[in-house]
Amino acid sequence: MIDVPWKIFSQTGNIEAYLWMKEVESDVYQEPEDENDHTLFEDTHF
């Protein structure tokens, strides 16, 4: 997915394509906000 905006940017120099590529990169490589979120381990059985 990152290839498309990079190709557009490299061929046109369009800054919006570069910013789009950076947005896609940040979405792909975004870490979980709270690694200590233990909601998955909550006891759901009563």
N, C-alpha and C. Protein backbone atom coordinates (compact mmCIF):
# COMPACT_ATOMS: atom_id res chain seq x y z
N MET A 1 0.83 -1.21 0.00
CA MET A 1 0.00 0.00 0.00
C MET A 1 0.86 1.25 0.00
N ILE A 2 2.02 1.20 0.60
CA ILE A 2 2.89 2.38 0.67
C ILE A 2 3.50 2.68 -0.70
N ASP A 3 3.57 1.67 -1.56
CA ASP A 3 4.19 1.86 -2.88
C ASP A 3 3.45 2.88 -3.73
N VAL A 4 2.14 2.90 -3.68
CA VAL A 4 1.36 3.79 -4.53
C VAL A 4 1.66 5.25 -4.23
N PRO A 5 1.52 5.71 -2.97
CA PRO A 5 1.82 7.12 -2.73
C PRO A 5 3.29 7.45 -2.98
N TRP A 6 4.19 6.50 -2.75
CA TRP A 6 5.61 6.77 -3.00
C TRP A 6 5.86 6.97 -4.49
N LYS A 7 5.26 6.14 -5.32
CA LYS A 7 5.43 6.28 -6.77
C LYS A 7 4.88 7.62 -7.25
N ILE A 8 3.72 8.00 -6.72
CA ILE A 8 3.14 9.29 -7.10
C ILE A 8 4.07 10.42 -6.69
N PHE A 9 4.57 10.37 -5.45
CA PHE A 9 5.47 11.41 -4.97
C PHE A 9 6.77 11.45 -5.77
N SER A 10 7.36 10.29 -6.01
CA SER A 10 8.66 10.27 -6.69
C SER A 10 8.55 10.75 -8.14
N GLN A 11 7.39 10.55 -8.76
CA GLN A 11 7.22 10.98 -10.14
C GLN A 11 6.75 12.42 -10.28
N THR A 12 6.02 12.91 -9.27
CA THR A 12 5.42 14.24 -9.40
C THR A 12 5.99 15.26 -8.42
N GLY A 13 6.55 14.78 -7.31
CA GLY A 13 7.01 15.71 -6.28
C GLY A 13 5.86 16.28 -5.46
N ASN A 14 4.69 15.68 -5.59
CA ASN A 14 3.50 16.16 -4.90
C ASN A 14 3.64 15.89 -3.40
N ILE A 15 3.65 16.96 -2.61
CA ILE A 15 3.83 16.84 -1.17
C ILE A 15 2.65 16.13 -0.52
N GLU A 16 1.46 16.25 -1.09
CA GLU A 16 0.30 15.56 -0.53
C GLU A 16 0.44 14.05 -0.65
N ALA A 17 1.06 13.58 -1.71
CA ALA A 17 1.31 12.15 -1.86
C ALA A 17 2.32 11.69 -0.81
N TYR A 18 3.32 12.52 -0.52
CA TYR A 18 4.30 12.19 0.51
C TYR A 18 3.63 12.12 1.89
N LEU A 19 2.79 13.09 2.18
CA LEU A 19 2.08 13.09 3.47
C LEU A 19 1.14 11.91 3.57
N TRP A 20 0.51 11.53 2.47
CA TRP A 20 -0.36 10.35 2.44
C TRP A 20 0.46 9.10 2.74
N MET A 21 1.66 9.00 2.14
CA MET A 21 2.53 7.86 2.39
C MET A 21 2.91 7.78 3.87
N LYS A 22 3.25 8.92 4.48
CA LYS A 22 3.61 8.94 5.89
C LYS A 22 2.43 8.55 6.76
N GLU A 23 1.24 8.95 6.39
CA GLU A 23 0.05 8.58 7.15
C GLU A 23 -0.18 7.07 7.08
N VAL A 24 -0.01 6.51 5.90
CA VAL A 24 -0.17 5.06 5.72
C VAL A 24 0.89 4.32 6.54
N GLU A 25 2.13 4.81 6.49
CA GLU A 25 3.21 4.19 7.28
C GLU A 25 2.88 4.20 8.76
N SER A 26 2.40 5.32 9.27
CA SER A 26 2.12 5.41 10.71
C SER A 26 0.98 4.49 11.10
N ASP A 27 0.01 4.29 10.21
CA ASP A 27 -1.09 3.37 10.49
C ASP A 27 -0.60 1.93 10.51
N VAL A 28 0.31 1.60 9.61
CA VAL A 28 0.81 0.23 9.50
C VAL A 28 1.68 -0.13 10.69
N TYR A 29 2.53 0.80 11.12
CA TYR A 29 3.51 0.51 12.15
C TYR A 29 3.13 1.04 13.53
N GLN A 30 1.88 1.46 13.70
CA GLN A 30 1.46 2.04 14.96
C GLN A 30 1.43 0.97 16.05
N GLU A 31 2.06 1.28 17.17
CA GLU A 31 2.07 0.39 18.33
C GLU A 31 0.77 0.55 19.09
N PRO A 32 0.36 -0.46 19.83
CA PRO A 32 -0.82 -0.29 20.68
C PRO A 32 -0.59 0.86 21.67
N GLU A 33 -1.65 1.64 21.91
CA GLU A 33 -1.50 2.81 22.76
C GLU A 33 -1.15 2.44 24.19
N ASP A 34 -1.76 1.39 24.70
CA ASP A 34 -1.51 1.00 26.08
C ASP A 34 -1.19 -0.48 26.12
N GLU A 35 0.08 -0.79 26.25
CA GLU A 35 0.48 -2.19 26.28
C GLU A 35 0.07 -2.87 27.58
N ASN A 36 -0.28 -2.10 28.59
CA ASN A 36 -0.68 -2.66 29.87
C ASN A 36 -2.20 -2.81 29.98
N ASP A 37 -2.88 -2.75 28.88
CA ASP A 37 -4.33 -2.90 28.87
C ASP A 37 -4.65 -4.38 29.02
N HIS A 38 -5.20 -4.74 30.17
CA HIS A 38 -5.46 -6.14 30.48
C HIS A 38 -6.92 -6.50 30.30
N THR A 39 -7.65 -5.75 29.47
CA THR A 39 -9.07 -6.05 29.29
C THR A 39 -9.25 -7.40 28.62
N LEU A 40 -8.27 -7.88 27.88
CA LEU A 40 -8.39 -9.20 27.27
C LEU A 40 -8.35 -10.31 28.31
N PHE A 41 -7.79 -10.02 29.46
CA PHE A 41 -7.63 -11.04 30.48
C PHE A 41 -8.69 -10.97 31.57
N GLU A 42 -9.67 -10.10 31.41
CA GLU A 42 -10.72 -9.99 32.41
C GLU A 42 -11.56 -11.28 32.43
N ASP A 43 -12.00 -11.65 33.59
CA ASP A 43 -12.84 -12.82 33.74
C ASP A 43 -14.25 -12.47 33.30
N THR A 44 -14.69 -13.08 32.22
CA THR A 44 -16.02 -12.77 31.71
C THR A 44 -17.03 -13.83 32.10
N HIS A 45 -16.61 -14.86 32.80
CA HIS A 45 -17.51 -15.92 33.24
C HIS A 45 -17.92 -15.66 34.70
N PHE A 46 -19.20 -15.73 34.94
CA PHE A 46 -19.69 -15.48 36.31
C PHE A 46 -20.04 -16.75 37.00
